[in-house]
């Protein structure tokens, strides 16, 4: 995954519904899947969006002031992309289950 200085992804696992819009949007924009949604757990399913090694963080779009399509198409805002300071503020807020991470 390509890191863009000053920017990062935030993933809230409590919000992911397994719609896979992020996968489709990435594939449509780039021709490959830089993000994949994994299903974890036999009883209570947890959907985990992960970024693959192919992920470029859509630098070609971010450089033009646009959001990566995986974050832009996520209607539940499970995936967000922004300035590190902005993401840090989101991470400070308490979450119901605490299942979130950032890249």
PDB file of N, CA and C in Angstrom:
ATOM      1  N   UNK A   1       0.833  -1.171   0.000  1.00  0.00           N
ATOM      2  CA  UNK A   1       0.000   0.000   0.000  1.00  0.00           C
ATOM      3  C   UNK A   1       0.882   1.241   0.000  1.00  0.00           C
ATOM      4  N   UNK A   2       0.557   2.174  -0.876  1.00  0.00           N
ATOM      5  CA  UNK A   2       1.296   3.422  -0.975  1.00  0.00           C
ATOM      6  C   UNK A   2       0.799   4.406   0.075  1.00  0.00           C
ATOM      7  N   UNK A   3       1.716   4.901   0.879  1.00  0.00           N
ATOM      8  CA  UNK A   3       1.351   5.915   1.880  1.00  0.00           C
ATOM      9  C   UNK A   3       1.526   7.300   1.285  1.00  0.00           C
ATOM     10  N   UNK A   4       0.565   8.158   1.498  1.00  0.00           N
ATOM     11  CA  UNK A   4       0.633   9.543   1.047  1.00  0.00           C
ATOM     12  C   UNK A   4       0.917  10.394   2.276  1.00  0.00           C
ATOM     13  N   UNK A   5       1.995  11.168   2.264  1.00  0.00           N
ATOM     14  CA  UNK A   5       2.341  11.962   3.447  1.00  0.00           C
ATOM     15  C   UNK A   5       1.188  12.856   3.906  1.00  0.00           C
ATOM     16  N   UNK A   6       0.912  12.803   5.210  1.00  0.00           N
ATOM     17  CA  UNK A   6      -0.121  13.640   5.801  1.00  0.00           C
ATOM     18  C   UNK A   6      -1.533  13.117   5.657  1.00  0.00           C
ATOM     19  N   UNK A   7      -1.717  12.000   4.956  1.00  0.00           N
ATOM     20  CA  UNK A   7      -3.053  11.430   4.731  1.00  0.00           C
ATOM     21  C   UNK A   7      -3.086   9.999   5.248  1.00  0.00           C
ATOM     22  N   UNK A   8      -4.288   9.520   5.594  1.00  0.00           N
ATOM     23  CA  UNK A   8      -4.418   8.123   5.987  1.00  0.00           C
ATOM     24  C   UNK A   8      -5.865   7.655   5.876  1.00  0.00           C
ATOM     25  N   UNK A   9      -6.027   6.343   5.850  1.00  0.00           N
ATOM     26  CA  UNK A   9      -7.342   5.719   5.834  1.00  0.00           C
ATOM     27  C   UNK A   9      -7.776   5.421   7.259  1.00  0.00           C
ATOM     28  N   UNK A  10      -9.086   5.402   7.468  1.00  0.00           N
ATOM     29  CA  UNK A  10      -9.700   4.997   8.728  1.00  0.00           C
ATOM     30  C   UNK A  10     -10.786   3.986   8.375  1.00  0.00           C
ATOM     31  N   UNK A  11     -10.802   2.861   9.067  1.00  0.00           N
ATOM     32  CA  UNK A  11     -11.805   1.829   8.822  1.00  0.00           C
ATOM     33  C   UNK A  11     -12.535   1.530  10.124  1.00  0.00           C
ATOM     34  N   UNK A  12     -13.863   1.673  10.113  1.00  0.00           N
ATOM     35  CA  UNK A  12     -14.697   1.366  11.270  1.00  0.00           C
ATOM     36  C   UNK A  12     -15.434   0.058  10.961  1.00  0.00           C
ATOM     37  N   UNK A  13     -15.015  -1.017  11.588  1.00  0.00           N
ATOM     38  CA  UNK A  13     -15.572  -2.339  11.307  1.00  0.00           C
ATOM     39  C   UNK A  13     -17.025  -2.468  11.741  1.00  0.00           C
ATOM     40  N   UNK A  14     -17.447  -1.656  12.702  1.00  0.00           N
ATOM     41  CA  UNK A  14     -18.837  -1.700  13.157  1.00  0.00           C
ATOM     42  C   UNK A  14     -19.799  -1.215  12.077  1.00  0.00           C
ATOM     43  N   UNK A  15     -19.298  -0.471  11.111  1.00  0.00           N
ATOM     44  CA  UNK A  15     -20.161   0.109  10.080  1.00  0.00           C
ATOM     45  C   UNK A  15     -20.195  -0.682   8.779  1.00  0.00           C
ATOM     46  N   UNK A  16     -19.236  -1.544   8.534  1.00  0.00           N
ATOM     47  CA  UNK A  16     -19.168  -2.264   7.254  1.00  0.00           C
ATOM     48  C   UNK A  16     -20.329  -3.255   7.141  1.00  0.00           C
ATOM     49  N   UNK A  17     -21.065  -3.170   6.018  1.00  0.00           N
ATOM     50  CA  UNK A  17     -22.229  -4.035   5.789  1.00  0.00           C
ATOM     51  C   UNK A  17     -21.957  -5.125   4.765  1.00  0.00           C
ATOM     52  N   UNK A  18     -20.727  -5.217   4.265  1.00  0.00           N
ATOM     53  CA  UNK A  18     -20.341  -6.207   3.265  1.00  0.00           C
ATOM     54  C   UNK A  18     -20.980  -5.934   1.898  1.00  0.00           C
ATOM     55  N   UNK A  19     -21.264  -4.678   1.587  1.00  0.00           N
ATOM     56  CA  UNK A  19     -21.859  -4.353   0.283  1.00  0.00           C
ATOM     57  C   UNK A  19     -20.830  -4.453  -0.837  1.00  0.00           C
ATOM     58  N   UNK A  20     -19.559  -4.346  -0.508  1.00  0.00           N
ATOM     59  CA  UNK A  20     -18.432  -4.452  -1.434  1.00  0.00           C
ATOM     60  C   UNK A  20     -18.373  -3.343  -2.478  1.00  0.00           C
ATOM     61  N   UNK A  21     -19.034  -2.228  -2.193  1.00  0.00           N
ATOM     62  CA  UNK A  21     -18.956  -1.077  -3.109  1.00  0.00           C
ATOM     63  C   UNK A  21     -17.518  -0.575  -3.216  1.00  0.00           C
ATOM     64  N   UNK A  22     -16.764  -0.668  -2.131  1.00  0.00           N
ATOM     65  CA  UNK A  22     -15.363  -0.229  -2.144  1.00  0.00           C
ATOM     66  C   UNK A  22     -14.535  -1.056  -3.125  1.00  0.00           C
ATOM     67  N   UNK A  23     -14.759  -2.374  -3.133  1.00  0.00           N
ATOM     68  CA  UNK A  23     -14.049  -3.254  -4.069  1.00  0.00           C
ATOM     69  C   UNK A  23     -14.362  -2.888  -5.514  1.00  0.00           C
ATOM     70  N   UNK A  24     -15.638  -2.720  -5.807  1.00  0.00           N
ATOM     71  CA  UNK A  24     -16.071  -2.396  -7.160  1.00  0.00           C
ATOM     72  C   UNK A  24     -15.532  -1.039  -7.610  1.00  0.00           C
ATOM     73  N   UNK A  25     -15.618  -0.043  -6.732  1.00  0.00           N
ATOM     74  CA  UNK A  25     -15.143   1.294  -7.078  1.00  0.00           C
ATOM     75  C   UNK A  25     -13.639   1.295  -7.359  1.00  0.00           C
ATOM     76  N   UNK A  26     -12.877   0.574  -6.555  1.00  0.00           N
ATOM     77  CA  UNK A  26     -11.431   0.482  -6.755  1.00  0.00           C
ATOM     78  C   UNK A  26     -11.128  -0.198  -8.087  1.00  0.00           C
ATOM     79  N   UNK A  27     -11.826  -1.276  -8.354  1.00  0.00           N
ATOM     80  CA  UNK A  27     -11.604  -2.009  -9.603  1.00  0.00           C
ATOM     81  C   UNK A  27     -11.970  -1.164 -10.814  1.00  0.00           C
ATOM     82  N   UNK A  28     -13.066  -0.427 -10.729  1.00  0.00           N
ATOM     83  CA  UNK A  28     -13.489   0.430 -11.846  1.00  0.00           C
ATOM     84  C   UNK A  28     -12.470   1.546 -12.099  1.00  0.00           C
ATOM     85  N   UNK A  29     -11.919   2.113 -11.038  1.00  0.00           N
ATOM     86  CA  UNK A  29     -10.969   3.219 -11.175  1.00  0.00           C
ATOM     87  C   UNK A  29      -9.594   2.748 -11.619  1.00  0.00           C
ATOM     88  N   UNK A  30      -9.136   1.623 -11.070  1.00  0.00           N
ATOM     89  CA  UNK A  30      -7.746   1.217 -11.250  1.00  0.00           C
ATOM     90  C   UNK A  30      -7.531  -0.054 -12.058  1.00  0.00           C
ATOM     91  N   UNK A  31      -8.579  -0.839 -12.253  1.00  0.00           N
ATOM     92  CA  UNK A  31      -8.412  -2.098 -12.982  1.00  0.00           C
ATOM     93  C   UNK A  31      -7.939  -3.240 -12.111  1.00  0.00           C
ATOM     94  N   UNK A  32      -7.844  -3.024 -10.819  1.00  0.00           N
ATOM     95  CA  UNK A  32      -7.488  -4.080  -9.866  1.00  0.00           C
ATOM     96  C   UNK A  32      -8.179  -3.776  -8.550  1.00  0.00           C
ATOM     97  N   UNK A  33      -8.140  -4.723  -7.640  1.00  0.00           N
ATOM     98  CA  UNK A  33      -8.774  -4.515  -6.338  1.00  0.00           C
ATOM     99  C   UNK A  33      -7.715  -4.207  -5.287  1.00  0.00           C
ATOM    100  N   UNK A  34      -7.593  -2.937  -4.959  1.00  0.00           N
ATOM    101  CA  UNK A  34      -6.666  -2.510  -3.924  1.00  0.00           C
ATOM    102  C   UNK A  34      -7.257  -2.635  -2.537  1.00  0.00           C
ATOM    103  N   UNK A  35      -8.553  -2.909  -2.485  1.00  0.00           N
ATOM    104  CA  UNK A  35      -9.237  -3.152  -1.212  1.00  0.00           C
ATOM    105  C   UNK A  35     -10.109  -4.392  -1.381  1.00  0.00           C
ATOM    106  N   UNK A  36     -10.135  -5.216  -0.379  1.00  0.00           N
ATOM    107  CA  UNK A  36     -10.977  -6.421  -0.367  1.00  0.00           C
ATOM    108  C   UNK A  36     -11.693  -6.498   0.968  1.00  0.00           C
ATOM    109  N   UNK A  37     -12.910  -7.034   0.941  1.00  0.00           N
ATOM    110  CA  UNK A  37     -13.673  -7.203   2.173  1.00  0.00           C
ATOM    111  C   UNK A  37     -13.654  -8.683   2.538  1.00  0.00           C
ATOM    112  N   UNK A  38     -13.107  -8.980   3.697  1.00  0.00           N
ATOM    113  CA  UNK A  38     -13.049 -10.356   4.190  1.00  0.00           C
ATOM    114  C   UNK A  38     -14.165 -10.573   5.200  1.00  0.00           C
ATOM    115  N   UNK A  39     -14.697 -11.790   5.227  1.00  0.00           N
ATOM    116  CA  UNK A  39     -15.694 -12.164   6.223  1.00  0.00           C
ATOM    117  C   UNK A  39     -15.005 -13.030   7.266  1.00  0.00           C
ATOM    118  N   UNK A  40     -15.128 -12.639   8.524  1.00  0.00           N
ATOM    119  CA  UNK A  40     -14.450 -13.324   9.615  1.00  0.00           C
ATOM    120  C   UNK A  40     -15.490 -13.800  10.624  1.00  0.00           C
ATOM    121  N   UNK A  41     -15.329 -15.013  11.097  1.00  0.00           N
ATOM    122  CA  UNK A  41     -16.162 -15.517  12.183  1.00  0.00           C
ATOM    123  C   UNK A  41     -17.251 -16.479  11.750  1.00  0.00           C
ATOM    124  N   UNK A  42     -17.361 -17.599  12.446  1.00  0.00           N
ATOM    125  CA  UNK A  42     -18.393 -18.581  12.098  1.00  0.00           C
ATOM    126  C   UNK A  42     -19.775 -18.248  12.657  1.00  0.00           C
ATOM    127  N   UNK A  43     -19.842 -17.606  13.789  1.00  0.00           N
ATOM    128  CA  UNK A  43     -21.143 -17.314  14.403  1.00  0.00           C
ATOM    129  C   UNK A  43     -21.585 -15.898  14.099  1.00  0.00           C
ATOM    130  N   UNK A  44     -20.864 -14.940  14.657  1.00  0.00           N
ATOM    131  CA  UNK A  44     -21.166 -13.533  14.385  1.00  0.00           C
ATOM    132  C   UNK A  44     -20.181 -13.058  13.326  1.00  0.00           C
ATOM    133  N   UNK A  45     -20.692 -12.771  12.148  1.00  0.00           N
ATOM    134  CA  UNK A  45     -19.813 -12.360  11.057  1.00  0.00           C
ATOM    135  C   UNK A  45     -19.332 -10.934  11.253  1.00  0.00           C
ATOM    136  N   UNK A  46     -18.079 -10.731  10.992  1.00  0.00           N
ATOM    137  CA  UNK A  46     -17.473  -9.420  11.011  1.00  0.00           C
ATOM    138  C   UNK A  46     -16.888  -9.203   9.624  1.00  0.00           C
ATOM    139  N   UNK A  47     -17.196  -8.088   8.997  1.00  0.00           N
ATOM    140  CA  UNK A  47     -16.699  -7.798   7.662  1.00  0.00           C
ATOM    141  C   UNK A  47     -15.521  -6.839   7.799  1.00  0.00           C
ATOM    142  N   UNK A  48     -14.395  -7.223   7.217  1.00  0.00           N
ATOM    143  CA  UNK A  48     -13.149  -6.497   7.414  1.00  0.00           C
ATOM    144  C   UNK A  48     -12.598  -6.008   6.079  1.00  0.00           C
ATOM    145  N   UNK A  49     -12.764  -4.714   5.764  1.00  0.00           N
ATOM    146  CA  UNK A  49     -12.113  -4.169   4.568  1.00  0.00           C
ATOM    147  C   UNK A  49     -10.604  -4.062   4.815  1.00  0.00           C
ATOM    148  N   UNK A  50      -9.816  -4.652   3.934  1.00  0.00           N
ATOM    149  CA  UNK A  50      -8.367  -4.558   4.049  1.00  0.00           C
ATOM    150  C   UNK A  50      -7.802  -3.986   2.751  1.00  0.00           C
ATOM    151  N   UNK A  51      -6.676  -3.326   2.864  1.00  0.00           N
ATOM    152  CA  UNK A  51      -6.015  -2.755   1.696  1.00  0.00           C
ATOM    153  C   UNK A  51      -4.886  -3.681   1.285  1.00  0.00           C
ATOM    154  N   UNK A  52      -4.839  -4.028  -0.005  1.00  0.00           N
ATOM    155  CA  UNK A  52      -3.848  -4.965  -0.511  1.00  0.00           C
ATOM    156  C   UNK A  52      -2.556  -4.234  -0.854  1.00  0.00           C
ATOM    157  N   UNK A  53      -1.540  -5.001  -1.210  1.00  0.00           N
ATOM    158  CA  UNK A  53      -0.267  -4.411  -1.606  1.00  0.00           C
ATOM    159  C   UNK A  53      -0.406  -3.608  -2.893  1.00  0.00           C
ATOM    160  N   UNK A  54      -1.428  -3.897  -3.687  1.00  0.00           N
ATOM    161  CA  UNK A  54      -1.646  -3.174  -4.936  1.00  0.00           C
ATOM    162  C   UNK A  54      -2.180  -1.761  -4.719  1.00  0.00           C
ATOM    163  N   UNK A  55      -2.716  -1.491  -3.542  1.00  0.00           N
ATOM    164  CA  UNK A  55      -3.347  -0.198  -3.256  1.00  0.00           C
ATOM    165  C   UNK A  55      -2.348   0.943  -3.442  1.00  0.00           C
ATOM    166  N   UNK A  56      -2.762   1.926  -4.230  1.00  0.00           N
ATOM    167  CA  UNK A  56      -1.935   3.116  -4.469  1.00  0.00           C
ATOM    168  C   UNK A  56      -2.468   4.314  -3.692  1.00  0.00           C
ATOM    169  N   UNK A  57      -3.478   4.096  -2.862  1.00  0.00           N
ATOM    170  CA  UNK A  57      -4.193   5.166  -2.153  1.00  0.00           C
ATOM    171  C   UNK A  57      -4.757   6.187  -3.142  1.00  0.00           C
ATOM    172  N   UNK A  58      -4.903   5.757  -4.399  1.00  0.00           N
ATOM    173  CA  UNK A  58      -5.399   6.609  -5.498  1.00  0.00           C
ATOM    174  C   UNK A  58      -4.697   7.957  -5.509  1.00  0.00           C
ATOM    175  N   UNK A  59      -3.373   7.889  -5.434  1.00  0.00           N
ATOM    176  CA  UNK A  59      -2.562   9.104  -5.417  1.00  0.00           C
ATOM    177  C   UNK A  59      -2.894  10.012  -6.593  1.00  0.00           C
ATOM    178  N   UNK A  60      -3.195   9.435  -7.748  1.00  0.00           N
ATOM    179  CA  UNK A  60      -3.524  10.243  -8.932  1.00  0.00           C
ATOM    180  C   UNK A  60      -4.781  11.090  -8.717  1.00  0.00           C
ATOM    181  N   UNK A  61      -5.691  10.631  -7.867  1.00  0.00           N
ATOM    182  CA  UNK A  61      -6.896  11.406  -7.539  1.00  0.00           C
ATOM    183  C   UNK A  61      -6.648  12.362  -6.370  1.00  0.00           C
ATOM    184  N   UNK A  62      -5.963  11.862  -5.350  1.00  0.00           N
ATOM    185  CA  UNK A  62      -5.684  12.673  -4.157  1.00  0.00           C
ATOM    186  C   UNK A  62      -4.866  13.905  -4.532  1.00  0.00           C
ATOM    187  N   UNK A  63      -3.938  13.754  -5.464  1.00  0.00           N
ATOM    188  CA  UNK A  63      -3.131  14.891  -5.915  1.00  0.00           C
ATOM    189  C   UNK A  63      -3.990  15.974  -6.568  1.00  0.00           C
ATOM    190  N   UNK A  64      -5.164  15.600  -7.073  1.00  0.00           N
ATOM    191  CA  UNK A  64      -6.093  16.556  -7.690  1.00  0.00           C
ATOM    192  C   UNK A  64      -7.166  17.014  -6.698  1.00  0.00           C
ATOM    193  N   UNK A  65      -7.016  16.625  -5.416  1.00  0.00           N
ATOM    194  CA  UNK A  65      -7.959  17.058  -4.384  1.00  0.00           C
ATOM    195  C   UNK A  65      -9.195  16.193  -4.276  1.00  0.00           C
ATOM    196  N   UNK A  66      -9.176  15.010  -4.885  1.00  0.00           N
ATOM    197  CA  UNK A  66     -10.329  14.104  -4.844  1.00  0.00           C
ATOM    198  C   UNK A  66     -10.106  12.994  -3.818  1.00  0.00           C
ATOM    199  N   UNK A  67     -11.182  12.366  -3.416  1.00  0.00           N
ATOM    200  CA  UNK A  67     -11.144  11.276  -2.443  1.00  0.00           C
ATOM    201  C   UNK A  67     -10.996   9.943  -3.176  1.00  0.00           C
ATOM    202  N   UNK A  68     -10.258   8.976  -2.604  1.00  0.00           N
ATOM    203  CA  UNK A  68     -10.205   7.657  -3.221  1.00  0.00           C
ATOM    204  C   UNK A  68     -11.613   7.066  -3.352  1.00  0.00           C
ATOM    205  N   UNK A  69     -11.905   6.379  -4.458  1.00  0.00           N
ATOM    206  CA  UNK A  69     -13.261   5.873  -4.676  1.00  0.00           C
ATOM    207  C   UNK A  69     -13.754   4.900  -3.607  1.00  0.00           C
ATOM    208  N   UNK A  70     -12.860   4.152  -2.975  1.00  0.00           N
ATOM    209  CA  UNK A  70     -13.303   3.212  -1.935  1.00  0.00           C
ATOM    210  C   UNK A  70     -13.964   3.967  -0.789  1.00  0.00           C
ATOM    211  N   UNK A  71     -13.409   5.117  -0.429  1.00  0.00           N
ATOM    212  CA  UNK A  71     -13.980   5.932   0.647  1.00  0.00           C
ATOM    213  C   UNK A  71     -15.183   6.735   0.154  1.00  0.00           C
ATOM    214  N   UNK A  72     -15.102   7.227  -1.068  1.00  0.00           N
ATOM    215  CA  UNK A  72     -16.181   8.057  -1.610  1.00  0.00           C
ATOM    216  C   UNK A  72     -17.477   7.274  -1.801  1.00  0.00           C
ATOM    217  N   UNK A  73     -17.383   5.985  -2.123  1.00  0.00           N
ATOM    218  CA  UNK A  73     -18.588   5.187  -2.379  1.00  0.00           C
ATOM    219  C   UNK A  73     -19.129   4.496  -1.140  1.00  0.00           C
ATOM    220  N   UNK A  74     -18.422   4.558  -0.030  1.00  0.00           N
ATOM    221  CA  UNK A  74     -18.858   3.869   1.185  1.00  0.00           C
ATOM    222  C   UNK A  74     -19.995   4.655   1.842  1.00  0.00           C
ATOM    223  N   UNK A  75     -21.225   4.186   1.622  1.00  0.00           N
ATOM    224  CA  UNK A  75     -22.389   4.938   2.113  1.00  0.00           C
ATOM    225  C   UNK A  75     -22.537   4.892   3.625  1.00  0.00           C
ATOM    226  N   UNK A  76     -21.914   3.933   4.300  1.00  0.00           N
ATOM    227  CA  UNK A  76     -21.980   3.879   5.766  1.00  0.00           C
ATOM    228  C   UNK A  76     -20.803   4.600   6.416  1.00  0.00           C
ATOM    229  N   UNK A  77     -19.889   5.081   5.603  1.00  0.00           N
ATOM    230  CA  UNK A  77     -18.656   5.740   6.077  1.00  0.00           C
ATOM    231  C   UNK A  77     -17.788   4.800   6.907  1.00  0.00           C
ATOM    232  N   UNK A  78     -17.816   3.511   6.553  1.00  0.00           N
ATOM    233  CA  UNK A  78     -16.925   2.559   7.215  1.00  0.00           C
ATOM    234  C   UNK A  78     -15.481   2.829   6.813  1.00  0.00           C
ATOM    235  N   UNK A  79     -15.280   3.291   5.578  1.00  0.00           N
ATOM    236  CA  UNK A  79     -13.944   3.670   5.107  1.00  0.00           C
ATOM    237  C   UNK A  79     -13.938   5.184   4.922  1.00  0.00           C
ATOM    238  N   UNK A  80     -12.960   5.809   5.544  1.00  0.00           N
ATOM    239  CA  UNK A  80     -12.771   7.254   5.377  1.00  0.00           C
ATOM    240  C   UNK A  80     -11.317   7.502   5.023  1.00  0.00           C
ATOM    241  N   UNK A  81     -11.082   8.618   4.369  1.00  0.00           N
ATOM    242  CA  UNK A  81      -9.729   9.017   3.994  1.00  0.00           C
ATOM    243  C   UNK A  81      -9.598  10.505   4.247  1.00  0.00           C
ATOM    244  N   UNK A  82      -8.504  10.908   4.871  1.00  0.00           N
ATOM    245  CA  UNK A  82      -8.339  12.328   5.141  1.00  0.00           C
ATOM    246  C   UNK A  82      -6.999  12.648   5.759  1.00  0.00           C
ATOM    247  N   UNK A  83      -6.887  13.896   6.223  1.00  0.00           N
ATOM    248  CA  UNK A  83      -5.669  14.345   6.890  1.00  0.00           C
ATOM    249  C   UNK A  83      -5.487  13.560   8.184  1.00  0.00           C
ATOM    250  N   UNK A  84      -4.244  13.323   8.547  1.00  0.00           N
ATOM    251  CA  UNK A  84      -3.967  12.559   9.762  1.00  0.00           C
ATOM    252  C   UNK A  84      -4.583  13.213  10.997  1.00  0.00           C
ATOM    253  N   UNK A  85      -4.590  14.536  11.056  1.00  0.00           N
ATOM    254  CA  UNK A  85      -5.175  15.233  12.212  1.00  0.00           C
ATOM    255  C   UNK A  85      -6.681  14.995  12.272  1.00  0.00           C
ATOM    256  N   UNK A  86      -7.330  15.003  11.121  1.00  0.00           N
ATOM    257  CA  UNK A  86      -8.772  14.758  11.056  1.00  0.00           C
ATOM    258  C   UNK A  86      -9.104  13.326  11.494  1.00  0.00           C
ATOM    259  N   UNK A  87      -8.310  12.368  11.031  1.00  0.00           N
ATOM    260  CA  UNK A  87      -8.517  10.959  11.395  1.00  0.00           C
ATOM    261  C   UNK A  87      -8.243  10.764  12.892  1.00  0.00           C
ATOM    262  N   UNK A  88      -7.248  11.459  13.423  1.00  0.00           N
ATOM    263  CA  UNK A  88      -6.937  11.350  14.853  1.00  0.00           C
ATOM    264  C   UNK A  88      -8.127  11.786  15.694  1.00  0.00           C
ATOM    265  N   UNK A  89      -8.840  12.829  15.266  1.00  0.00           N
ATOM    266  CA  UNK A  89     -10.026  13.292  15.996  1.00  0.00           C
ATOM    267  C   UNK A  89     -11.117  12.227  15.977  1.00  0.00           C
ATOM    268  N   UNK A  90     -11.280  11.552  14.852  1.00  0.00           N
ATOM    269  CA  UNK A  90     -12.283  10.484  14.747  1.00  0.00           C
ATOM    270  C   UNK A  90     -11.913   9.341  15.691  1.00  0.00           C
ATOM    271  N   UNK A  91     -10.629   8.992  15.731  1.00  0.00           N
ATOM    272  CA  UNK A  91     -10.178   7.885  16.585  1.00  0.00           C
ATOM    273  C   UNK A  91     -10.325   8.194  18.067  1.00  0.00           C
ATOM    274  N   UNK A  92     -10.321   9.477  18.443  1.00  0.00           N
ATOM    275  CA  UNK A  92     -10.473   9.859  19.847  1.00  0.00           C
ATOM    276  C   UNK A  92     -11.891   9.650  20.353  1.00  0.00           C
ATOM    277  N   UNK A  93     -12.869   9.700  19.452  1.00  0.00           N
ATOM    278  CA  UNK A  93     -14.265   9.558  19.865  1.00  0.00           C
ATOM    279  C   UNK A  93     -14.538   8.110  20.269  1.00  0.00           C
ATOM    280  N   UNK A  94     -15.301   7.910  21.329  1.00  0.00           N
ATOM    281  CA  UNK A  94     -15.624   6.539  21.741  1.00  0.00           C
ATOM    282  C   UNK A  94     -16.534   5.859  20.720  1.00  0.00           C
ATOM    283  N   UNK A  95     -16.299   4.567  20.519  1.00  0.00           N
ATOM    284  CA  UNK A  95     -17.108   3.760  19.608  1.00  0.00           C
ATOM    285  C   UNK A  95     -17.834   2.701  20.426  1.00  0.00           C
ATOM    286  N   UNK A  96     -18.915   2.213  19.881  1.00  0.00           N
ATOM    287  CA  UNK A  96     -19.729   1.235  20.590  1.00  0.00           C
ATOM    288  C   UNK A  96     -18.938  -0.032  20.919  1.00  0.00           C
ATOM    289  N   UNK A  97     -18.246  -0.591  19.932  1.00  0.00           N
ATOM    290  CA  UNK A  97     -17.518  -1.833  20.143  1.00  0.00           C
ATOM    291  C   UNK A  97     -16.017  -1.652  20.083  1.00  0.00           C
ATOM    292  N   UNK A  98     -15.563  -0.528  19.588  1.00  0.00           N
ATOM    293  CA  UNK A  98     -14.112  -0.279  19.539  1.00  0.00           C
ATOM    294  C   UNK A  98     -13.396  -0.998  18.431  1.00  0.00           C
ATOM    295  N   UNK A  99     -14.100  -1.433  17.391  1.00  0.00           N
ATOM    296  CA  UNK A  99     -13.459  -2.160  16.313  1.00  0.00           C
ATOM    297  C   UNK A  99     -13.187  -1.215  15.151  1.00  0.00           C
ATOM    298  N   UNK A 100     -12.087  -0.505  15.221  1.00  0.00           N
ATOM    299  CA  UNK A 100     -11.691   0.415  14.179  1.00  0.00           C
ATOM    300  C   UNK A 100     -10.170   0.413  14.091  1.00  0.00           C
ATOM    301  N   UNK A 101      -9.668   0.771  12.928  1.00  0.00           N
ATOM    302  CA  UNK A 101      -8.219   0.874  12.757  1.00  0.00           C
ATOM    303  C   UNK A 101      -7.923   1.902  11.685  1.00  0.00           C
ATOM    304  N   UNK A 102      -6.665   2.330  11.614  1.00  0.00           N
ATOM    305  CA  UNK A 102      -6.269   3.278  10.589  1.00  0.00           C
ATOM    306  C   UNK A 102      -4.972   2.811   9.948  1.00  0.00           C
ATOM    307  N   UNK A 103      -4.752   3.255   8.713  1.00  0.00           N
ATOM    308  CA  UNK A 103      -3.529   2.944   7.960  1.00  0.00           C
ATOM    309  C   UNK A 103      -2.742   4.199   7.791  1.00  0.00           C
TER     310      UNK A 103
END
